[in-house]
Amino acid sequence: MAVLDQAMSQLEAEHLASDKQVQFEELQVFLQGERGSRPYSDIGATLNISEGAVKVAVHRMRQRYRELLRAAVANTVADPLEVDAELRYLLAVLSR
């Protein structure tokens, strides 16, 4: 699962570069498809942002993670047309 680790590491580096390390640490649990054990309102209080802003941040983080994962997978295939098939296969393996 090196491509997953690569995408996560790059996402973390981006947050660190934007001085958003704490946000990354609080929200990364939502990248694994889990709702998380803490309500958005609690996370918002920790980050000093509203619950709505937490929801938007989670959405944007998931979107960026997908982009980074897609790029990581694209680096592993010979033909760019194979990326979607590789992503479907990866998701199938992870959902078992």
Protein backbone atom coordinates (compact mmCIF):
# COMPACT_ATOMS: atom_id res chain seq x y z
CA MET A 1 0.00 0.00 0.00
CA ALA A 2 2.88 2.30 -0.77
CA VAL A 3 0.71 4.56 -2.93
CA LEU A 4 -1.61 5.20 0.05
CA ASP A 5 1.34 6.07 2.25
CA GLN A 6 2.83 8.28 -0.44
CA ALA A 7 -0.41 10.23 -0.89
CA MET A 8 -0.86 10.59 2.88
CA SER A 9 2.73 11.76 3.36
CA GLN A 10 2.38 14.34 0.62
CA LEU A 11 -0.91 15.58 2.08
CA GLU A 12 0.69 15.91 5.49
CA ALA A 13 3.63 17.80 3.99
CA GLU A 14 1.25 20.21 2.28
CA HIS A 15 -0.53 20.89 5.57
CA LEU A 16 2.78 21.38 7.35
CA ALA A 17 3.92 23.85 4.68
CA SER A 18 0.64 25.76 5.11
CA ASP A 19 1.06 25.82 8.90
CA LYS A 20 -1.96 23.52 9.27
CA GLN A 21 -0.31 20.54 10.98
CA VAL A 22 -2.81 20.53 13.86
CA GLN A 23 -5.69 20.54 11.38
CA PHE A 24 -4.15 17.59 9.56
CA GLU A 25 -3.73 15.66 12.81
CA GLU A 26 -7.34 16.32 13.83
CA LEU A 27 -8.90 15.50 10.47
CA GLN A 28 -6.82 12.64 9.06
CA VAL A 29 -9.08 10.05 10.70
CA PHE A 30 -11.81 11.10 8.27
CA LEU A 31 -9.69 10.03 5.28
CA GLN A 32 -10.14 6.40 6.21
CA GLY A 33 -13.88 6.51 5.63
CA GLU A 34 -14.67 6.75 9.31
CA ARG A 35 -16.83 9.40 10.86
CA GLY A 36 -14.40 9.59 13.73
CA SER A 37 -15.07 9.30 17.41
CA ARG A 38 -15.22 13.05 17.99
CA PRO A 39 -18.04 15.25 16.75
CA TYR A 40 -17.23 17.99 14.26
CA SER A 41 -18.20 20.56 16.88
CA ASP A 42 -15.50 19.30 19.27
CA ILE A 43 -12.89 19.36 16.54
CA GLY A 44 -14.02 22.85 15.59
CA ALA A 45 -13.51 24.00 19.17
CA THR A 46 -9.99 22.54 19.15
CA LEU A 47 -9.17 24.24 15.85
CA ASN A 48 -11.04 27.43 16.75
CA ILE A 49 -13.31 27.15 13.70
CA SER A 50 -17.02 26.47 13.26
CA GLU A 51 -18.54 23.03 12.78
CA GLY A 52 -19.39 24.02 9.21
CA ALA A 53 -15.77 24.99 8.58
CA VAL A 54 -14.70 21.55 9.86
CA LYS A 55 -17.06 19.89 7.40
CA VAL A 56 -15.65 21.96 4.55
CA ALA A 57 -12.08 21.20 5.64
CA VAL A 58 -12.83 17.46 5.74
CA HIS A 59 -14.39 17.64 2.28
CA ARG A 60 -11.40 19.53 0.85
CA MET A 61 -8.92 17.21 2.55
CA ARG A 62 -10.66 14.13 1.11
CA GLN A 63 -10.73 15.73 -2.32
CA ARG A 64 -7.02 16.58 -2.19
CA TYR A 65 -6.18 13.09 -0.91
CA ARG A 66 -8.03 11.59 -3.89
CA GLU A 67 -6.04 13.81 -6.25
CA LEU A 68 -2.74 12.82 -4.64
CA LEU A 69 -3.70 9.13 -4.63
CA ARG A 70 -4.65 9.32 -8.30
CA ALA A 71 -1.28 10.93 -9.10
CA ALA A 72 0.58 8.28 -7.10
CA VAL A 73 -1.23 5.50 -8.95
CA ALA A 74 -0.57 7.22 -12.29
CA ASN A 75 3.15 6.97 -11.52
CA THR A 76 2.86 3.18 -11.24
CA VAL A 77 1.18 2.38 -14.56
CA ALA A 78 2.57 2.45 -18.08
CA ASP A 79 -0.60 3.75 -19.69
CA PRO A 80 -2.57 6.67 -18.20
CA LEU A 81 -5.76 4.90 -19.27
CA GLU A 82 -5.02 2.22 -16.65
CA VAL A 83 -5.32 4.61 -13.69
CA ASP A 84 -9.06 4.19 -13.17
CA ALA A 85 -8.82 0.40 -13.33
CA GLU A 86 -5.95 0.42 -10.82
CA LEU A 87 -7.90 2.67 -8.45
CA ARG A 88 -10.96 0.40 -8.68
CA TYR A 89 -8.76 -2.61 -7.93
CA LEU A 90 -7.17 -0.84 -4.96
CA LEU A 91 -10.57 0.10 -3.54
CA ALA A 92 -11.81 -3.46 -4.01
CA VAL A 93 -8.81 -4.85 -2.13
CA LEU A 94 -9.22 -2.35 0.70
CA SER A 95 -12.93 -3.04 1.10
CA ARG A 96 -12.40 -6.76 1.79
